[in-house]
Every structure is written in structure tokens, then in C-alpha cells.
Amino acid sequence: MSEDNWYDEAAGPLVRPYTITSGRTPSGHAPLDVSTQVMSLRTDSPPRGLAPEHLTIVQLCRRPLSIAEIAAYVKLPLGVVRVLCADLIDRGLVITRAPSHQPAQAPDHETLQAVLDGLIKL
């Protein structure tokens, strides 16, 4: 095996997700839904002793982002992002807000009829 196999031209450095999380899986203490909002807390000094992925999440979350958005930006699986965010919660570097689970209300009959009438006129 060549020593150059750790890098793939198209994908970049190949780091397995279990390496980033040290083999840990999402814990049950803080349920992080894909739509859970994460936001960094302001600190006087930059956090020390964090992995590059943790630091990237702290920087990204200066404005609220969902777990799914974070995963897309850092190009990591959702499970890995959940573990990393749980680490940041434990260290007091981010806060989360649960998604709103209000059921969507269906439009009333009159609105649906108006839409249908408008489509027919087209």
C-alpha cells in the first residue's frame, strides 16, 4: 500500500467519521433533531483544545444554524455533527433551541377553491 492513499484528489483527505468522533455515537442526553438550532455563545478568548471540526462549528454558528445546515457546511454526516455539537454543548460553547413542532394547518375550503378557480382561468 502506498503512503499516498490517505489523500484522494477528488475527495481531499480521507478521514473516517469514527475517527473524528473517537468512535462515539450521538448521546441521549441532548436530543438533537436535524432542525435543532445551534448558536455559539460569545467568549472572551477563542476556545482551546478543540478539534478543527469543533472550531469550524463554533465559527459557523455565530448565527443560528440547524444541525442539517451545519452538516452540509462542514460536509460531515449528521451523526458526526450531532456528536460534535453535543461536545460543544457540554463545554458551554453553544446553545440549542428545539425546533417548533406546531402542526401545519391546512388551508380552508374557500382558499383552495380560489386557487383552483385561478388555475382553471390560466
PDB file of N, CA and C in Angstrom:
ATOM      1  N   MET A   1       0.843  -1.184   0.000  1.00  0.00           N
ATOM      2  CA  MET A   1       0.000   0.000   0.000  1.00  0.00           C
ATOM      3  C   MET A   1       0.884   1.242   0.000  1.00  0.00           C
ATOM      4  N   SER A   2       0.595   2.161  -0.834  1.00  0.00           N
ATOM      5  CA  SER A   2       1.358   3.395  -0.954  1.00  0.00           C
ATOM      6  C   SER A   2       0.993   4.350   0.172  1.00  0.00           C
ATOM      7  N   GLU A   3       1.968   5.176   0.568  1.00  0.00           N
ATOM      8  CA  GLU A   3       1.706   6.161   1.619  1.00  0.00           C
ATOM      9  C   GLU A   3       0.812   7.289   1.131  1.00  0.00           C
ATOM     10  N   ASP A   4       0.587   7.391  -0.190  1.00  0.00           N
ATOM     11  CA  ASP A   4      -0.252   8.443  -0.747  1.00  0.00           C
ATOM     12  C   ASP A   4      -1.735   8.104  -0.723  1.00  0.00           C
ATOM     13  N   ASN A   5      -2.126   6.944  -0.189  1.00  0.00           N
ATOM     14  CA  ASN A   5      -3.533   6.531  -0.186  1.00  0.00           C
ATOM     15  C   ASN A   5      -4.385   7.315   0.807  1.00  0.00           C
ATOM     16  N   TRP A   6      -3.771   8.102   1.680  1.00  0.00           N
ATOM     17  CA  TRP A   6      -4.555   8.861   2.648  1.00  0.00           C
ATOM     18  C   TRP A   6      -5.232  10.063   2.006  1.00  0.00           C
ATOM     19  N   TYR A   7      -4.893  10.337   0.752  1.00  0.00           N
ATOM     20  CA  TYR A   7      -5.427  11.511   0.078  1.00  0.00           C
ATOM     21  C   TYR A   7      -6.034  11.105  -1.252  1.00  0.00           C
ATOM     22  N   ASP A   8      -7.201  11.616  -1.548  1.00  0.00           N
ATOM     23  CA  ASP A   8      -7.878  11.356  -2.809  1.00  0.00           C
ATOM     24  C   ASP A   8      -8.042  12.697  -3.505  1.00  0.00           C
ATOM     25  N   GLU A   9      -7.601  12.807  -4.743  1.00  0.00           N
ATOM     26  CA  GLU A   9      -7.635  14.087  -5.468  1.00  0.00           C
ATOM     27  C   GLU A   9      -9.025  14.721  -5.473  1.00  0.00           C
ATOM     28  N   ALA A  10     -10.060  13.916  -5.708  1.00  0.00           N
ATOM     29  CA  ALA A  10     -11.418  14.464  -5.798  1.00  0.00           C
ATOM     30  C   ALA A  10     -12.020  14.750  -4.421  1.00  0.00           C
ATOM     31  N   ALA A  11     -11.719  13.893  -3.455  1.00  0.00           N
ATOM     32  CA  ALA A  11     -12.368  13.998  -2.152  1.00  0.00           C
ATOM     33  C   ALA A  11     -11.551  14.771  -1.128  1.00  0.00           C
ATOM     34  N   GLY A  12     -10.261  14.895  -1.342  1.00  0.00           N
ATOM     35  CA  GLY A  12      -9.412  15.536  -0.345  1.00  0.00           C
ATOM     36  C   GLY A  12      -8.952  14.508   0.663  1.00  0.00           C
ATOM     37  N   PRO A  13      -8.491  14.944   1.830  1.00  0.00           N
ATOM     38  CA  PRO A  13      -8.019  13.991   2.831  1.00  0.00           C
ATOM     39  C   PRO A  13      -9.143  13.057   3.259  1.00  0.00           C
ATOM     40  N   LEU A  14      -8.846  11.797   3.358  1.00  0.00           N
ATOM     41  CA  LEU A  14      -9.849  10.808   3.743  1.00  0.00           C
ATOM     42  C   LEU A  14      -9.763  10.559   5.243  1.00  0.00           C
ATOM     43  N   VAL A  15     -10.728  11.070   5.971  1.00  0.00           N
ATOM     44  CA  VAL A  15     -10.798  10.868   7.408  1.00  0.00           C
ATOM     45  C   VAL A  15     -12.141  10.221   7.698  1.00  0.00           C
ATOM     46  N   ARG A  16     -12.099   9.079   8.296  1.00  0.00           N
ATOM     47  CA  ARG A  16     -13.326   8.352   8.604  1.00  0.00           C
ATOM     48  C   ARG A  16     -14.105   9.057   9.712  1.00  0.00           C
ATOM     49  N   PRO A  17     -15.435   9.064   9.608  1.00  0.00           N
ATOM     50  CA  PRO A  17     -16.247   9.738  10.640  1.00  0.00           C
ATOM     51  C   PRO A  17     -15.961   9.238  12.053  1.00  0.00           C
ATOM     52  N   TYR A  18     -15.717   7.933  12.215  1.00  0.00           N
ATOM     53  CA  TYR A  18     -15.467   7.437  13.575  1.00  0.00           C
ATOM     54  C   TYR A  18     -14.149   7.950  14.129  1.00  0.00           C
ATOM     55  N   THR A  19     -13.249   8.388  13.265  1.00  0.00           N
ATOM     56  CA  THR A  19     -12.002   8.982  13.728  1.00  0.00           C
ATOM     57  C   THR A  19     -12.271  10.362  14.306  1.00  0.00           C
ATOM     58  N   ILE A  20     -13.134  11.117  13.658  1.00  0.00           N
ATOM     59  CA  ILE A  20     -13.462  12.474  14.121  1.00  0.00           C
ATOM     60  C   ILE A  20     -14.145  12.437  15.482  1.00  0.00           C
ATOM     61  N   THR A  21     -14.989  11.435  15.697  1.00  0.00           N
ATOM     62  CA  THR A  21     -15.748  11.354  16.949  1.00  0.00           C
ATOM     63  C   THR A  21     -15.117  10.407  17.962  1.00  0.00           C
ATOM     64  N   SER A  22     -13.951   9.874  17.645  1.00  0.00           N
ATOM     65  CA  SER A  22     -13.289   8.882  18.510  1.00  0.00           C
ATOM     66  C   SER A  22     -14.180   7.669  18.752  1.00  0.00           C
ATOM     67  N   GLY A  23     -14.954   7.331  17.749  1.00  0.00           N
ATOM     68  CA  GLY A  23     -15.822   6.156  17.832  1.00  0.00           C
ATOM     69  C   GLY A  23     -17.108   6.366  18.600  1.00  0.00           C
ATOM     70  N   ARG A  24     -17.349   7.588  19.072  1.00  0.00           N
ATOM     71  CA  ARG A  24     -18.564   7.848  19.843  1.00  0.00           C
ATOM     72  C   ARG A  24     -19.758   8.022  18.920  1.00  0.00           C
ATOM     73  N   THR A  25     -20.937   7.736  19.447  1.00  0.00           N
ATOM     74  CA  THR A  25     -22.183   7.941  18.722  1.00  0.00           C
ATOM     75  C   THR A  25     -22.979   9.025  19.447  1.00  0.00           C
ATOM     76  N   PRO A  26     -24.010   9.576  18.785  1.00  0.00           N
ATOM     77  CA  PRO A  26     -24.806  10.618  19.462  1.00  0.00           C
ATOM     78  C   PRO A  26     -25.337  10.123  20.799  1.00  0.00           C
ATOM     79  N   SER A  27     -25.156  10.929  21.841  1.00  0.00           N
ATOM     80  CA  SER A  27     -25.636  10.553  23.173  1.00  0.00           C
ATOM     81  C   SER A  27     -27.097  10.941  23.326  1.00  0.00           C
ATOM     82  N   GLY A  28     -27.734  10.353  24.304  1.00  0.00           N
ATOM     83  CA  GLY A  28     -29.150  10.605  24.521  1.00  0.00           C
ATOM     84  C   GLY A  28     -29.431  11.784  25.423  1.00  0.00           C
ATOM     85  N   HIS A  29     -28.397  12.424  25.989  1.00  0.00           N
ATOM     86  CA  HIS A  29     -28.666  13.489  26.958  1.00  0.00           C
ATOM     87  C   HIS A  29     -29.241  14.745  26.322  1.00  0.00           C
ATOM     88  N   ALA A  30     -28.942  14.993  25.066  1.00  0.00           N
ATOM     89  CA  ALA A  30     -29.476  16.183  24.394  1.00  0.00           C
ATOM     90  C   ALA A  30     -29.970  15.771  23.016  1.00  0.00           C
ATOM     91  N   PRO A  31     -31.268  15.512  22.882  1.00  0.00           N
ATOM     92  CA  PRO A  31     -31.758  15.101  21.565  1.00  0.00           C
ATOM     93  C   PRO A  31     -31.595  16.231  20.548  1.00  0.00           C
ATOM     94  N   LEU A  32     -30.785  15.978  19.552  1.00  0.00           N
ATOM     95  CA  LEU A  32     -30.526  16.983  18.532  1.00  0.00           C
ATOM     96  C   LEU A  32     -31.175  16.548  17.230  1.00  0.00           C
ATOM     97  N   ASP A  33     -32.319  17.126  16.954  1.00  0.00           N
ATOM     98  CA  ASP A  33     -33.065  16.875  15.728  1.00  0.00           C
ATOM     99  C   ASP A  33     -32.354  17.576  14.581  1.00  0.00           C
ATOM    100  N   VAL A  34     -32.598  17.156  13.353  1.00  0.00           N
ATOM    101  CA  VAL A  34     -31.955  17.799  12.202  1.00  0.00           C
ATOM    102  C   VAL A  34     -32.321  19.283  12.107  1.00  0.00           C
ATOM    103  N   SER A  35     -33.444  19.670  12.678  1.00  0.00           N
ATOM    104  CA  SER A  35     -33.847  21.070  12.608  1.00  0.00           C
ATOM    105  C   SER A  35     -33.556  21.841  13.901  1.00  0.00           C
ATOM    106  N   THR A  36     -32.889  21.190  14.871  1.00  0.00           N
ATOM    107  CA  THR A  36     -32.489  21.891  16.092  1.00  0.00           C
ATOM    108  C   THR A  36     -31.542  23.026  15.728  1.00  0.00           C
ATOM    109  N   GLN A  37     -31.806  24.204  16.271  1.00  0.00           N
ATOM    110  CA  GLN A  37     -30.981  25.377  16.005  1.00  0.00           C
ATOM    111  C   GLN A  37     -29.817  25.431  16.991  1.00  0.00           C
ATOM    112  N   VAL A  38     -28.623  25.683  16.478  1.00  0.00           N
ATOM    113  CA  VAL A  38     -27.413  25.760  17.290  1.00  0.00           C
ATOM    114  C   VAL A  38     -26.830  27.156  17.127  1.00  0.00           C
ATOM    115  N   MET A  39     -26.418  27.765  18.247  1.00  0.00           N
ATOM    116  CA  MET A  39     -25.804  29.093  18.184  1.00  0.00           C
ATOM    117  C   MET A  39     -24.653  29.166  19.178  1.00  0.00           C
ATOM    118  N   SER A  40     -23.539  29.743  18.717  1.00  0.00           N
ATOM    119  CA  SER A  40     -22.355  29.903  19.566  1.00  0.00           C
ATOM    120  C   SER A  40     -22.599  30.969  20.616  1.00  0.00           C
ATOM    121  N   LEU A  41     -22.016  30.737  21.779  1.00  0.00           N
ATOM    122  CA  LEU A  41     -22.021  31.759  22.823  1.00  0.00           C
ATOM    123  C   LEU A  41     -20.760  32.585  22.660  1.00  0.00           C
ATOM    124  N   ARG A  42     -20.860  33.852  22.930  1.00  0.00           N
ATOM    125  CA  ARG A  42     -19.689  34.715  22.813  1.00  0.00           C
ATOM    126  C   ARG A  42     -18.733  34.418  23.967  1.00  0.00           C
ATOM    127  N   THR A  43     -17.477  34.305  23.624  1.00  0.00           N
ATOM    128  CA  THR A  43     -16.457  34.089  24.646  1.00  0.00           C
ATOM    129  C   THR A  43     -15.389  35.155  24.490  1.00  0.00           C
ATOM    130  N   ASP A  44     -14.711  35.461  25.596  1.00  0.00           N
ATOM    131  CA  ASP A  44     -13.665  36.478  25.564  1.00  0.00           C
ATOM    132  C   ASP A  44     -12.453  36.014  24.770  1.00  0.00           C
ATOM    133  N   SER A  45     -12.148  34.733  24.868  1.00  0.00           N
ATOM    134  CA  SER A  45     -10.993  34.198  24.136  1.00  0.00           C
ATOM    135  C   SER A  45     -11.440  32.996  23.315  1.00  0.00           C
ATOM    136  N   PRO A  46     -10.717  32.719  22.239  1.00  0.00           N
ATOM    137  CA  PRO A  46     -11.099  31.568  21.428  1.00  0.00           C
ATOM    138  C   PRO A  46     -10.958  30.275  22.223  1.00  0.00           C
ATOM    139  N   PRO A  47     -11.884  29.342  22.034  1.00  0.00           N
ATOM    140  CA  PRO A  47     -11.818  28.087  22.773  1.00  0.00           C
ATOM    141  C   PRO A  47     -10.536  27.323  22.443  1.00  0.00           C
ATOM    142  N   ARG A  48      -9.954  26.697  23.450  1.00  0.00           N
ATOM    143  CA  ARG A  48      -8.720  25.935  23.267  1.00  0.00           C
ATOM    144  C   ARG A  48      -8.998  24.441  23.417  1.00  0.00           C
ATOM    145  N   GLY A  49      -8.137  23.657  22.816  1.00  0.00           N
ATOM    146  CA  GLY A  49      -8.225  22.208  22.976  1.00  0.00           C
ATOM    147  C   GLY A  49      -9.330  21.550  22.175  1.00  0.00           C
ATOM    148  N   LEU A  50      -9.813  22.245  21.156  1.00  0.00           N
ATOM    149  CA  LEU A  50     -10.870  21.673  20.328  1.00  0.00           C
ATOM    150  C   LEU A  50     -10.304  21.176  19.005  1.00  0.00           C
ATOM    151  N   ALA A  51     -10.974  20.185  18.450  1.00  0.00           N
ATOM    152  CA  ALA A  51     -10.614  19.689  17.125  1.00  0.00           C
ATOM    153  C   ALA A  51     -10.993  20.738  16.085  1.00  0.00           C
ATOM    154  N   PRO A  52     -10.370  20.695  14.915  1.00  0.00           N
ATOM    155  CA  PRO A  52     -10.702  21.671  13.868  1.00  0.00           C
ATOM    156  C   PRO A  52     -12.191  21.677  13.520  1.00  0.00           C
ATOM    157  N   GLU A  53     -12.831  20.513  13.550  1.00  0.00           N
ATOM    158  CA  GLU A  53     -14.263  20.438  13.236  1.00  0.00           C
ATOM    159  C   GLU A  53     -15.094  21.178  14.282  1.00  0.00           C
ATOM    160  N   HIS A  54     -14.702  21.055  15.557  1.00  0.00           N
ATOM    161  CA  HIS A  54     -15.393  21.788  16.620  1.00  0.00           C
ATOM    162  C   HIS A  54     -15.272  23.294  16.387  1.00  0.00           C
ATOM    163  N   LEU A  55     -14.051  23.734  16.098  1.00  0.00           N
ATOM    164  CA  LEU A  55     -13.820  25.168  15.884  1.00  0.00           C
ATOM    165  C   LEU A  55     -14.616  25.696  14.701  1.00  0.00           C
ATOM    166  N   THR A  56     -14.690  24.891  13.649  1.00  0.00           N
ATOM    167  CA  THR A  56     -15.466  25.296  12.472  1.00  0.00           C
ATOM    168  C   THR A  56     -16.938  25.475  12.840  1.00  0.00           C
ATOM    169  N   ILE A  57     -17.474  24.559  13.628  1.00  0.00           N
ATOM    170  CA  ILE A  57     -18.880  24.658  14.041  1.00  0.00           C
ATOM    171  C   ILE A  57     -19.096  25.898  14.901  1.00  0.00           C
ATOM    172  N   VAL A  58     -18.187  26.163  15.836  1.00  0.00           N
ATOM    173  CA  VAL A  58     -18.319  27.360  16.683  1.00  0.00           C
ATOM    174  C   VAL A  58     -18.339  28.613  15.813  1.00  0.00           C
ATOM    175  N   GLN A  59     -17.468  28.678  14.820  1.00  0.00           N
ATOM    176  CA  GLN A  59     -17.414  29.850  13.944  1.00  0.00           C
ATOM    177  C   GLN A  59     -18.666  29.958  13.079  1.00  0.00           C
ATOM    178  N   LEU A  60     -19.124  28.837  12.538  1.00  0.00           N
ATOM    179  CA  LEU A  60     -20.323  28.849  11.697  1.00  0.00           C
ATOM    180  C   LEU A  60     -21.555  29.299  12.466  1.00  0.00           C
ATOM    181  N   CYS A  61     -21.633  28.923  13.718  1.00  0.00           N
ATOM    182  CA  CYS A  61     -22.856  29.136  14.492  1.00  0.00           C
ATOM    183  C   CYS A  61     -22.894  30.480  15.200  1.00  0.00           C
ATOM    184  N   ARG A  62     -22.175  31.447  14.668  1.00  0.00           N
ATOM    185  CA  ARG A  62     -22.313  32.802  15.214  1.00  0.00           C
ATOM    186  C   ARG A  62     -23.724  33.311  14.963  1.00  0.00           C
ATOM    187  N   ARG A  63     -24.349  32.759  13.945  1.00  0.00           N
ATOM    188  CA  ARG A  63     -25.783  32.984  13.723  1.00  0.00           C
ATOM    189  C   ARG A  63     -26.430  31.602  13.820  1.00  0.00           C
ATOM    190  N   PRO A  64     -27.664  31.508  14.242  1.00  0.00           N
ATOM    191  CA  PRO A  64     -28.290  30.192  14.424  1.00  0.00           C
ATOM    192  C   PRO A  64     -28.324  29.377  13.130  1.00  0.00           C
ATOM    193  N   LEU A  65     -27.914  28.129  13.236  1.00  0.00           N
ATOM    194  CA  LEU A  65     -27.972  27.186  12.121  1.00  0.00           C
ATOM    195  C   LEU A  65     -28.550  25.874  12.628  1.00  0.00           C
ATOM    196  N   SER A  66     -29.251  25.176  11.761  1.00  0.00           N
ATOM    197  CA  SER A  66     -29.778  23.874  12.136  1.00  0.00           C
ATOM    198  C   SER A  66     -28.671  22.825  12.046  1.00  0.00           C
ATOM    199  N   ILE A  67     -28.886  21.709  12.700  1.00  0.00           N
ATOM    200  CA  ILE A  67     -27.935  20.593  12.633  1.00  0.00           C
ATOM    201  C   ILE A  67     -27.724  20.190  11.174  1.00  0.00           C
ATOM    202  N   ALA A  68     -28.796  20.156  10.395  1.00  0.00           N
ATOM    203  CA  ALA A  68     -28.688  19.780   8.978  1.00  0.00           C
ATOM    204  C   ALA A  68     -27.834  20.780   8.202  1.00  0.00           C
ATOM    205  N   GLU A  69     -28.008  22.074   8.472  1.00  0.00           N
ATOM    206  CA  GLU A  69     -27.202  23.094   7.790  1.00  0.00           C
ATOM    207  C   GLU A  69     -25.724  22.968   8.158  1.00  0.00           C
ATOM    208  N   ILE A  70     -25.458  22.732   9.431  1.00  0.00           N
ATOM    209  CA  ILE A  70     -24.075  22.566   9.870  1.00  0.00           C
ATOM    210  C   ILE A  70     -23.442  21.386   9.141  1.00  0.00           C
ATOM    211  N   ALA A  71     -24.167  20.262   9.086  1.00  0.00           N
ATOM    212  CA  ALA A  71     -23.648  19.070   8.406  1.00  0.00           C
ATOM    213  C   ALA A  71     -23.334  19.375   6.949  1.00  0.00           C
ATOM    214  N   ALA A  72     -24.179  20.152   6.304  1.00  0.00           N
ATOM    215  CA  ALA A  72     -23.944  20.495   4.897  1.00  0.00           C
ATOM    216  C   ALA A  72     -22.717  21.384   4.751  1.00  0.00           C
ATOM    217  N   TYR A  73     -22.562  22.366   5.637  1.00  0.00           N
ATOM    218  CA  TYR A  73     -21.420  23.275   5.551  1.00  0.00           C
ATOM    219  C   TYR A  73     -20.093  22.573   5.841  1.00  0.00           C
ATOM    220  N   VAL A  74     -20.072  21.712   6.843  1.00  0.00           N
ATOM    221  CA  VAL A  74     -18.812  21.053   7.209  1.00  0.00           C
ATOM    222  C   VAL A  74     -18.601  19.747   6.447  1.00  0.00           C
ATOM    223  N   LYS A  75     -19.603  19.368   5.648  1.00  0.00           N
ATOM    224  CA  LYS A  75     -19.528  18.166   4.805  1.00  0.00           C
ATOM    225  C   LYS A  75     -19.231  16.912   5.621  1.00  0.00           C
ATOM    226  N   LEU A  76     -20.007  16.759   6.704  1.00  0.00           N
ATOM    227  CA  LEU A  76     -19.906  15.590   7.568  1.00  0.00           C
ATOM    228  C   LEU A  76     -21.283  14.979   7.758  1.00  0.00           C
ATOM    229  N   PRO A  77     -21.345  13.677   8.052  1.00  0.00           N
ATOM    230  CA  PRO A  77     -22.642  13.035   8.303  1.00  0.00           C
ATOM    231  C   PRO A  77     -23.349  13.641   9.523  1.00  0.00           C
ATOM    232  N   LEU A  78     -24.671  13.557   9.514  1.00  0.00           N
ATOM    233  CA  LEU A  78     -25.470  14.117  10.610  1.00  0.00           C
ATOM    234  C   LEU A  78     -25.063  13.554  11.967  1.00  0.00           C
ATOM    235  N   GLY A  79     -24.826  12.263  12.037  1.00  0.00           N
ATOM    236  CA  GLY A  79     -24.445  11.639  13.309  1.00  0.00           C
ATOM    237  C   GLY A  79     -23.168  12.224  13.873  1.00  0.00           C
ATOM    238  N   VAL A  80     -22.208  12.488  13.017  1.00  0.00           N
ATOM    239  CA  VAL A  80     -20.942  13.084  13.449  1.00  0.00           C
ATOM    240  C   VAL A  80     -21.189  14.504  13.958  1.00  0.00           C
ATOM    241  N   VAL A  81     -21.995  15.263  13.250  1.00  0.00           N
ATOM    242  CA  VAL A  81     -22.291  16.637  13.662  1.00  0.00           C
ATOM    243  C   VAL A  81     -23.033  16.642  14.991  1.00  0.00           C
ATOM    244  N   ARG A  82     -23.917  15.689  15.196  1.00  0.00           N
ATOM    245  CA  ARG A  82     -24.623  15.601  16.487  1.00  0.00           C
ATOM    246  C   ARG A  82     -23.636  15.373  17.626  1.00  0.00           C
ATOM    247  N   VAL A  83     -22.674  14.475  17.424  1.00  0.00           N
ATOM    248  CA  VAL A  83     -21.667  14.195  18.460  1.00  0.00           C
ATOM    249  C   VAL A  83     -20.835  15.449  18.727  1.00  0.00           C
ATOM    250  N   LEU A  84     -20.385  16.114  17.666  1.00  0.00           N
ATOM    251  CA  LEU A  84     -19.562  17.310  17.827  1.00  0.00           C
ATOM    252  C   LEU A  84     -20.329  18.427  18.527  1.00  0.00           C
ATOM    253  N   CYS A  85     -21.604  18.608  18.162  1.00  0.00           N
ATOM    254  CA  CYS A  85     -22.424  19.645  18.810  1.00  0.00           C
ATOM    255  C   CYS A  85     -22.672  19.303  20.274  1.00  0.00           C
ATOM    256  N   ALA A  86     -22.869  18.023  20.583  1.00  0.00           N
ATOM    257  CA  ALA A  86     -23.049  17.609  21.979  1.00  0.00           C
ATOM    258  C   ALA A  86     -21.789  17.931  22.787  1.00  0.00           C
ATOM    259  N   ASP A  87     -20.605  17.722  22.183  1.00  0.00           N
ATOM    260  CA  ASP A  87     -19.353  18.094  22.850  1.00  0.00           C
ATOM    261  C   ASP A  87     -19.340  19.583  23.167  1.00  0.00           C
ATOM    262  N   LEU A  88     -19.752  20.386  22.198  1.00  0.00           N
ATOM    263  CA  LEU A  88     -19.748  21.845  22.378  1.00  0.00           C
ATOM    264  C   LEU A  88     -20.775  22.285  23.417  1.00  0.00           C
ATOM    265  N   ILE A  89     -21.917  21.595  23.468  1.00  0.00           N
ATOM    266  CA  ILE A  89     -22.931  21.883  24.494  1.00  0.00           C
ATOM    267  C   ILE A  89     -22.338  21.588  25.870  1.00  0.00           C
ATOM    268  N   ASP A  90     -21.683  20.426  25.997  1.00  0.00           N
ATOM    269  CA  ASP A  90     -21.083  20.035  27.275  1.00  0.00           C
ATOM    270  C   ASP A  90     -20.035  21.038  27.749  1.00  0.00           C
ATOM    271  N   ARG A  91     -19.325  21.651  26.821  1.00  0.00           N
ATOM    272  CA  ARG A  91     -18.288  22.633  27.174  1.00  0.00           C
ATOM    273  C   ARG A  91     -18.855  24.044  27.330  1.00  0.00           C
ATOM    274  N   GLY A  92     -20.157  24.207  27.100  1.00  0.00           N
ATOM    275  CA  GLY A  92     -20.788  25.507  27.264  1.00  0.00           C
ATOM    276  C   GLY A  92     -20.440  26.503  26.178  1.00  0.00           C
ATOM    277  N   LEU A  93     -20.109  26.009  24.998  1.00  0.00           N
ATOM    278  CA  LEU A  93     -19.716  26.895  23.898  1.00  0.00           C
ATOM    279  C   LEU A  93     -20.851  27.202  22.938  1.00  0.00           C
ATOM    280  N   VAL A  94     -21.887  26.371  22.935  1.00  0.00           N
ATOM    281  CA  VAL A  94     -23.054  26.612  22.088  1.00  0.00           C
ATOM    282  C   VAL A  94     -24.314  26.353  22.891  1.00  0.00           C
ATOM    283  N   ILE A  95     -25.382  26.955  22.438  1.00  0.00           N
ATOM    284  CA  ILE A  95     -26.700  26.672  22.989  1.00  0.00           C
ATOM    285  C   ILE A  95     -27.573  26.173  21.851  1.00  0.00           C
ATOM    286  N   THR A  96     -28.635  25.479  22.210  1.00  0.00           N
ATOM    287  CA  THR A  96     -29.543  24.957  21.186  1.00  0.00           C
ATOM    288  C   THR A  96     -30.958  25.387  21.498  1.00  0.00           C
ATOM    289  N   ARG A  97     -31.747  25.393  20.458  1.00  0.00           N
ATOM    290  CA  ARG A  97     -33.174  25.661  20.594  1.00  0.00           C
ATOM    291  C   ARG A  97     -33.897  24.580  19.819  1.00  0.00           C
ATOM    292  N   ALA A  98     -34.792  23.903  20.502  1.00  0.00           N
ATOM    293  CA  ALA A  98     -35.545  22.829  19.871  1.00  0.00           C
ATOM    294  C   ALA A  98     -36.424  23.394  18.764  1.00  0.00           C
ATOM    295  N   PRO A  99     -36.619  22.616  17.721  1.00  0.00           N
ATOM    296  CA  PRO A  99     -37.483  23.092  16.643  1.00  0.00           C
ATOM    297  C   PRO A  99     -38.924  23.179  17.106  1.00  0.00           C
ATOM    298  N   SER A 100     -39.649  24.050  16.471  1.00  0.00           N
ATOM    299  CA  SER A 100     -41.074  24.189  16.760  1.00  0.00           C
ATOM    300  C   SER A 100     -41.808  23.032  16.092  1.00  0.00           C
ATOM    301  N   HIS A 101     -42.593  22.314  16.876  1.00  0.00           N
ATOM    302  CA  HIS A 101     -43.324  21.178  16.320  1.00  0.00           C
ATOM    303  C   HIS A 101     -44.824  21.467  16.244  1.00  0.00           C
ATOM    304  N   GLN A 102     -45.146  22.665  15.806  1.00  0.00           N
ATOM    305  CA  GLN A 102     -46.545  23.001  15.654  1.00  0.00           C
ATOM    306  C   GLN A 102     -47.060  22.377  14.366  1.00  0.00           C
ATOM    307  N   PRO A 103     -48.172  21.669  14.451  1.00  0.00           N
ATOM    308  CA  PRO A 103     -48.696  21.052  13.234  1.00  0.00           C
ATOM    309  C   PRO A 103     -49.145  22.112  12.227  1.00  0.00           C
ATOM    310  N   ALA A 104     -48.858  21.838  10.989  1.00  0.00           N
ATOM    311  CA  ALA A 104     -49.267  22.769   9.926  1.00  0.00           C
ATOM    312  C   ALA A 104     -50.780  22.701   9.765  1.00  0.00           C
ATOM    313  N   GLN A 105     -51.381  23.859   9.516  1.00  0.00           N
ATOM    314  CA  GLN A 105     -52.819  23.899   9.327  1.00  0.00           C
ATOM    315  C   GLN A 105     -53.115  23.892   7.832  1.00  0.00           C
ATOM    316  N   ALA A 106     -54.043  23.062   7.453  1.00  0.00           N
ATOM    317  CA  ALA A 106     -54.458  23.010   6.052  1.00  0.00           C
ATOM    318  C   ALA A 106     -55.250  24.269   5.721  1.00  0.00           C
ATOM    319  N   PRO A 107     -55.106  24.759   4.489  1.00  0.00           N
ATOM    320  CA  PRO A 107     -55.889  25.939   4.106  1.00  0.00           C
ATOM    321  C   PRO A 107     -57.380  25.603   4.105  1.00  0.00           C
ATOM    322  N   ASP A 108     -58.184  26.627   4.324  1.00  0.00           N
ATOM    323  CA  ASP A 108     -59.630  26.400   4.354  1.00  0.00           C
ATOM    324  C   ASP A 108     -60.158  26.135   2.933  1.00  0.00           C
ATOM    325  N   HIS A 109     -61.381  25.692   2.853  1.00  0.00           N
ATOM    326  CA  HIS A 109     -62.005  25.312   1.590  1.00  0.00           C
ATOM    327  C   HIS A 109     -62.073  26.488   0.613  1.00  0.00           C
ATOM    328  N   GLU A 110     -62.394  27.680   1.130  1.00  0.00           N
ATOM    329  CA  GLU A 110     -62.512  28.855   0.259  1.00  0.00           C
ATOM    330  C   GLU A 110     -61.181  29.192  -0.419  1.00  0.00           C
ATOM    331  N   THR A 111     -60.086  29.081   0.303  1.00  0.00           N
ATOM    332  CA  THR A 111     -58.766  29.367  -0.266  1.00  0.00           C
ATOM    333  C   THR A 111     -58.424  28.358  -1.358  1.00  0.00           C
ATOM    334  N   LEU A 112     -58.673  27.088  -1.067  1.00  0.00           N
ATOM    335  CA  LEU A 112     -58.410  26.049  -2.067  1.00  0.00           C
ATOM    336  C   LEU A 112     -59.249  26.259  -3.327  1.00  0.00           C
ATOM    337  N   GLN A 113     -60.506  26.646  -3.145  1.00  0.00           N
ATOM    338  CA  GLN A 113     -61.381  26.878  -4.288  1.00  0.00           C
ATOM    339  C   GLN A 113     -60.889  28.071  -5.108  1.00  0.00           C
ATOM    340  N   ALA A 114     -60.430  29.116  -4.433  1.00  0.00           N
ATOM    341  CA  ALA A 114     -59.913  30.300  -5.131  1.00  0.00           C
ATOM    342  C   ALA A 114     -58.673  29.939  -5.961  1.00  0.00           C
ATOM    343  N   VAL A 115     -57.796  29.107  -5.396  1.00  0.00           N
ATOM    344  CA  VAL A 115     -56.603  28.665  -6.119  1.00  0.00           C
ATOM    345  C   VAL A 115     -57.012  27.843  -7.330  1.00  0.00           C
ATOM    346  N   LEU A 116     -57.948  26.922  -7.153  1.00  0.00           N
ATOM    347  CA  LEU A 116     -58.427  26.086  -8.245  1.00  0.00           C
ATOM    348  C   LEU A 116     -59.064  26.937  -9.347  1.00  0.00           C
ATOM    349  N   ASP A 117     -59.883  27.900  -8.957  1.00  0.00           N
ATOM    350  CA  ASP A 117     -60.514  28.783  -9.952  1.00  0.00           C
ATOM    351  C   ASP A 117     -59.459  29.570 -10.725  1.00  0.00           C
ATOM    352  N   GLY A 118     -58.410  30.035 -10.019  1.00  0.00           N
ATOM    353  CA  GLY A 118     -57.351  30.775 -10.690  1.00  0.00           C
ATOM    354  C   GLY A 118     -56.579  29.907 -11.654  1.00  0.00           C
ATOM    355  N   LEU A 119     -56.334  28.649 -11.294  1.00  0.00           N
ATOM    356  CA  LEU A 119     -55.629  27.736 -12.193  1.00  0.00           C
ATOM    357  C   LEU A 119     -56.458  27.410 -13.430  1.00  0.00           C
ATOM    358  N   ILE A 120     -57.749  27.280 -13.237  1.00  0.00           N
ATOM    359  CA  ILE A 120     -58.633  26.987 -14.377  1.00  0.00           C
ATOM    360  C   ILE A 120     -58.632  28.142 -15.369  1.00  0.00           C
ATOM    361  N   LYS A 121     -58.579  29.378 -14.866  1.00  0.00           N
ATOM    362  CA  LYS A 121     -58.586  30.550 -15.740  1.00  0.00           C
ATOM    363  C   LYS A 121     -57.297  30.664 -16.560  1.00  0.00           C
ATOM    364  N   LEU A 122     -56.214  30.025 -16.084  1.00  0.00           N
ATOM    365  CA  LEU A 122     -54.962  30.079 -16.854  1.00  0.00           C
ATOM    366  C   LEU A 122     -55.129  29.268 -18.104  1.00  0.00           C
TER     367      LEU A 122
END
